[in-house]
Amino acid sequence: MPGTPAFGNPELLLELLRYQMPFGKYKGRLLRELPVYYLEWFARKGFPAGKLGVLLQTLYEIRLNGLEHLLDELARQKQQ
């Protein structure tokens, strides 16, 4: 997916499994647990700068394209 830097970096995809939202209504919740409407809000208003923004944008693209199963599979592999 062009324009989404994390897709070329598996380590950033792994971070989607463990990174917690650092602020706001969903503070402390894992990014991959964030509701779609929250990601859509960021897509409209602008993603934050830095790693958090890259991760949120990547998660948004994953959800937008129906690729959540990739994160599920990655999570299963990490448990083994």
N, C-alpha and C. Protein backbone atom coordinates (compact mmCIF):
# COMPACT_ATOMS: atom_id res chain seq x y z
N MET A 1 0.83 -1.17 0.00
CA MET A 1 0.00 0.00 0.00
C MET A 1 0.88 1.23 0.00
N PRO A 2 0.92 1.91 -1.09
CA PRO A 2 1.77 3.09 -1.20
C PRO A 2 1.39 4.14 -0.18
N GLY A 3 2.40 4.84 0.30
CA GLY A 3 2.15 5.92 1.24
C GLY A 3 2.05 5.49 2.69
N THR A 4 2.06 4.19 2.95
CA THR A 4 1.99 3.71 4.31
C THR A 4 3.30 3.05 4.65
N PRO A 5 4.19 3.77 5.33
CA PRO A 5 5.54 3.29 5.55
C PRO A 5 5.65 1.96 6.29
N ALA A 6 4.73 1.65 7.19
CA ALA A 6 4.88 0.46 8.02
C ALA A 6 4.73 -0.83 7.24
N PHE A 7 4.07 -0.81 6.10
CA PHE A 7 3.88 -2.05 5.35
C PHE A 7 5.19 -2.62 4.87
N GLY A 8 6.22 -1.81 4.73
CA GLY A 8 7.52 -2.31 4.32
C GLY A 8 8.40 -2.68 5.51
N ASN A 9 7.87 -2.54 6.73
CA ASN A 9 8.65 -2.77 7.93
C ASN A 9 7.88 -3.70 8.88
N PRO A 10 8.22 -4.99 8.90
CA PRO A 10 7.50 -5.93 9.76
C PRO A 10 7.56 -5.57 11.24
N GLU A 11 8.64 -4.93 11.67
CA GLU A 11 8.75 -4.56 13.09
C GLU A 11 7.67 -3.56 13.48
N LEU A 12 7.34 -2.64 12.59
CA LEU A 12 6.25 -1.70 12.90
C LEU A 12 4.91 -2.42 12.97
N LEU A 13 4.73 -3.43 12.13
CA LEU A 13 3.49 -4.21 12.21
C LEU A 13 3.40 -4.93 13.55
N LEU A 14 4.52 -5.44 14.04
CA LEU A 14 4.53 -6.08 15.36
C LEU A 14 4.18 -5.08 16.46
N GLU A 15 4.60 -3.84 16.28
CA GLU A 15 4.28 -2.82 17.28
C GLU A 15 2.78 -2.55 17.35
N LEU A 16 2.07 -2.77 16.26
CA LEU A 16 0.61 -2.60 16.29
C LEU A 16 -0.03 -3.58 17.27
N LEU A 17 0.64 -4.67 17.55
CA LEU A 17 0.11 -5.67 18.47
C LEU A 17 0.31 -5.27 19.93
N ARG A 18 1.28 -4.41 20.21
CA ARG A 18 1.62 -4.12 21.61
C ARG A 18 1.60 -2.63 21.99
N TYR A 19 1.50 -1.74 21.03
CA TYR A 19 1.57 -0.29 21.30
C TYR A 19 0.25 0.19 21.87
N GLN A 20 0.32 0.96 22.95
CA GLN A 20 -0.88 1.50 23.59
C GLN A 20 -1.09 2.96 23.23
N MET A 21 -2.34 3.33 23.13
CA MET A 21 -2.69 4.72 22.86
C MET A 21 -2.23 5.55 24.06
N PRO A 22 -1.40 6.58 23.83
CA PRO A 22 -0.82 7.33 24.95
C PRO A 22 -1.68 8.46 25.50
N PHE A 23 -2.80 8.78 24.86
CA PHE A 23 -3.60 9.92 25.32
C PHE A 23 -5.05 9.75 24.90
N GLY A 24 -5.88 10.64 25.42
CA GLY A 24 -7.28 10.74 25.01
C GLY A 24 -8.20 9.70 25.61
N LYS A 25 -9.36 9.62 25.04
CA LYS A 25 -10.42 8.74 25.52
C LYS A 25 -9.98 7.29 25.61
N TYR A 26 -9.10 6.88 24.70
CA TYR A 26 -8.67 5.48 24.64
C TYR A 26 -7.26 5.27 25.18
N LYS A 27 -6.83 6.18 26.04
CA LYS A 27 -5.50 6.06 26.64
C LYS A 27 -5.35 4.69 27.31
N GLY A 28 -4.22 4.03 27.02
CA GLY A 28 -3.94 2.73 27.62
C GLY A 28 -4.48 1.55 26.84
N ARG A 29 -5.33 1.81 25.87
CA ARG A 29 -5.88 0.72 25.05
C ARG A 29 -4.91 0.40 23.92
N LEU A 30 -4.77 -0.88 23.59
CA LEU A 30 -3.92 -1.25 22.47
C LEU A 30 -4.46 -0.62 21.19
N LEU A 31 -3.56 -0.16 20.34
CA LEU A 31 -3.99 0.49 19.10
C LEU A 31 -4.91 -0.39 18.28
N ARG A 32 -4.59 -1.66 18.18
CA ARG A 32 -5.41 -2.54 17.34
C ARG A 32 -6.83 -2.73 17.90
N GLU A 33 -7.07 -2.30 19.14
CA GLU A 33 -8.40 -2.38 19.74
C GLU A 33 -9.21 -1.10 19.53
N LEU A 34 -8.60 -0.08 18.94
CA LEU A 34 -9.31 1.19 18.74
C LEU A 34 -10.46 1.01 17.76
N PRO A 35 -11.58 1.67 18.03
CA PRO A 35 -12.71 1.56 17.09
C PRO A 35 -12.40 2.25 15.76
N VAL A 36 -13.02 1.77 14.72
CA VAL A 36 -12.81 2.29 13.38
C VAL A 36 -13.14 3.77 13.31
N TYR A 37 -14.21 4.21 13.96
CA TYR A 37 -14.60 5.62 13.87
C TYR A 37 -13.50 6.54 14.41
N TYR A 38 -12.74 6.07 15.38
CA TYR A 38 -11.64 6.88 15.93
C TYR A 38 -10.52 7.02 14.89
N LEU A 39 -10.22 5.94 14.20
CA LEU A 39 -9.22 5.99 13.14
C LEU A 39 -9.70 6.87 11.98
N GLU A 40 -10.99 6.81 11.68
CA GLU A 40 -11.55 7.65 10.63
C GLU A 40 -11.46 9.13 11.01
N TRP A 41 -11.65 9.41 12.28
CA TRP A 41 -11.54 10.79 12.75
C TRP A 41 -10.11 11.30 12.53
N PHE A 42 -9.12 10.48 12.89
CA PHE A 42 -7.73 10.87 12.64
C PHE A 42 -7.47 11.06 11.15
N ALA A 43 -8.04 10.20 10.33
CA ALA A 43 -7.84 10.31 8.88
C ALA A 43 -8.37 11.64 8.36
N ARG A 44 -9.48 12.12 8.93
CA ARG A 44 -10.04 13.41 8.52
C ARG A 44 -9.26 14.58 9.09
N LYS A 45 -8.89 14.50 10.36
CA LYS A 45 -8.28 15.63 11.06
C LYS A 45 -6.75 15.66 10.91
N GLY A 46 -6.16 14.51 10.61
CA GLY A 46 -4.70 14.42 10.52
C GLY A 46 -4.14 13.51 11.58
N PHE A 47 -3.27 12.61 11.17
CA PHE A 47 -2.64 11.70 12.11
C PHE A 47 -1.54 12.45 12.86
N PRO A 48 -1.29 12.08 14.12
CA PRO A 48 -0.22 12.73 14.87
C PRO A 48 1.14 12.49 14.20
N ALA A 49 2.08 13.33 14.54
CA ALA A 49 3.45 13.17 14.00
C ALA A 49 4.14 11.99 14.67
N GLY A 50 5.17 11.51 14.04
CA GLY A 50 6.02 10.48 14.64
C GLY A 50 5.47 9.07 14.51
N LYS A 51 6.03 8.20 15.36
CA LYS A 51 5.70 6.77 15.31
C LYS A 51 4.21 6.52 15.51
N LEU A 52 3.60 7.22 16.46
CA LEU A 52 2.18 7.02 16.72
C LEU A 52 1.36 7.28 15.46
N GLY A 53 1.66 8.35 14.77
CA GLY A 53 0.94 8.68 13.55
C GLY A 53 1.11 7.61 12.48
N VAL A 54 2.33 7.11 12.33
CA VAL A 54 2.59 6.05 11.35
C VAL A 54 1.80 4.79 11.71
N LEU A 55 1.80 4.44 12.99
CA LEU A 55 1.07 3.25 13.41
C LEU A 55 -0.43 3.41 13.22
N LEU A 56 -0.97 4.57 13.60
CA LEU A 56 -2.41 4.80 13.43
C LEU A 56 -2.80 4.80 11.95
N GLN A 57 -1.99 5.43 11.12
CA GLN A 57 -2.29 5.44 9.69
C GLN A 57 -2.22 4.04 9.10
N THR A 58 -1.26 3.27 9.54
CA THR A 58 -1.13 1.89 9.06
C THR A 58 -2.33 1.07 9.48
N LEU A 59 -2.73 1.20 10.74
CA LEU A 59 -3.90 0.47 11.22
C LEU A 59 -5.15 0.88 10.45
N TYR A 60 -5.28 2.16 10.18
CA TYR A 60 -6.41 2.65 9.39
C TYR A 60 -6.43 1.99 8.01
N GLU A 61 -5.28 1.94 7.35
CA GLU A 61 -5.19 1.32 6.03
C GLU A 61 -5.51 -0.18 6.08
N ILE A 62 -5.04 -0.82 7.14
CA ILE A 62 -5.33 -2.25 7.30
C ILE A 62 -6.83 -2.46 7.42
N ARG A 63 -7.47 -1.67 8.25
CA ARG A 63 -8.92 -1.82 8.44
C ARG A 63 -9.68 -1.43 7.17
N LEU A 64 -9.26 -0.35 6.55
CA LEU A 64 -9.93 0.14 5.34
C LEU A 64 -9.93 -0.92 4.24
N ASN A 65 -8.86 -1.68 4.18
CA ASN A 65 -8.71 -2.69 3.13
C ASN A 65 -9.08 -4.10 3.58
N GLY A 66 -9.67 -4.22 4.77
CA GLY A 66 -10.12 -5.52 5.24
C GLY A 66 -9.00 -6.52 5.49
N LEU A 67 -7.88 -6.03 5.99
CA LEU A 67 -6.71 -6.90 6.18
C LEU A 67 -6.42 -7.21 7.66
N GLU A 68 -7.42 -7.09 8.51
CA GLU A 68 -7.23 -7.37 9.93
C GLU A 68 -6.70 -8.77 10.17
N HIS A 69 -7.06 -9.70 9.28
CA HIS A 69 -6.61 -11.08 9.45
C HIS A 69 -5.08 -11.19 9.46
N LEU A 70 -4.40 -10.25 8.82
CA LEU A 70 -2.94 -10.26 8.84
C LEU A 70 -2.41 -10.01 10.25
N LEU A 71 -3.03 -9.09 10.96
CA LEU A 71 -2.62 -8.84 12.34
C LEU A 71 -2.99 -10.02 13.24
N ASP A 72 -4.14 -10.63 12.99
CA ASP A 72 -4.55 -11.80 13.76
C ASP A 72 -3.54 -12.92 13.59
N GLU A 73 -3.12 -13.16 12.36
CA GLU A 73 -2.14 -14.21 12.08
C GLU A 73 -0.80 -13.89 12.74
N LEU A 74 -0.39 -12.66 12.67
CA LEU A 74 0.86 -12.24 13.30
C LEU A 74 0.79 -12.44 14.81
N ALA A 75 -0.34 -12.12 15.40
CA ALA A 75 -0.52 -12.31 16.85
C ALA A 75 -0.45 -13.79 17.20
N ARG A 76 -1.05 -14.64 16.40
CA ARG A 76 -0.99 -16.09 16.65
C ARG A 76 0.45 -16.60 16.57
N GLN A 77 1.19 -16.12 15.59
CA GLN A 77 2.59 -16.53 15.44
C GLN A 77 3.43 -16.09 16.64
N LYS A 78 3.15 -14.92 17.17
CA LYS A 78 3.90 -14.41 18.32
C LYS A 78 3.61 -15.23 19.58
N GLN A 79 2.44 -15.83 19.67
CA GLN A 79 2.07 -16.63 20.84
C GLN A 79 2.76 -17.99 20.84
N GLN A 80 3.21 -18.44 19.70
CA GLN A 80 3.82 -19.77 19.62
C GLN A 80 5.25 -19.76 20.04
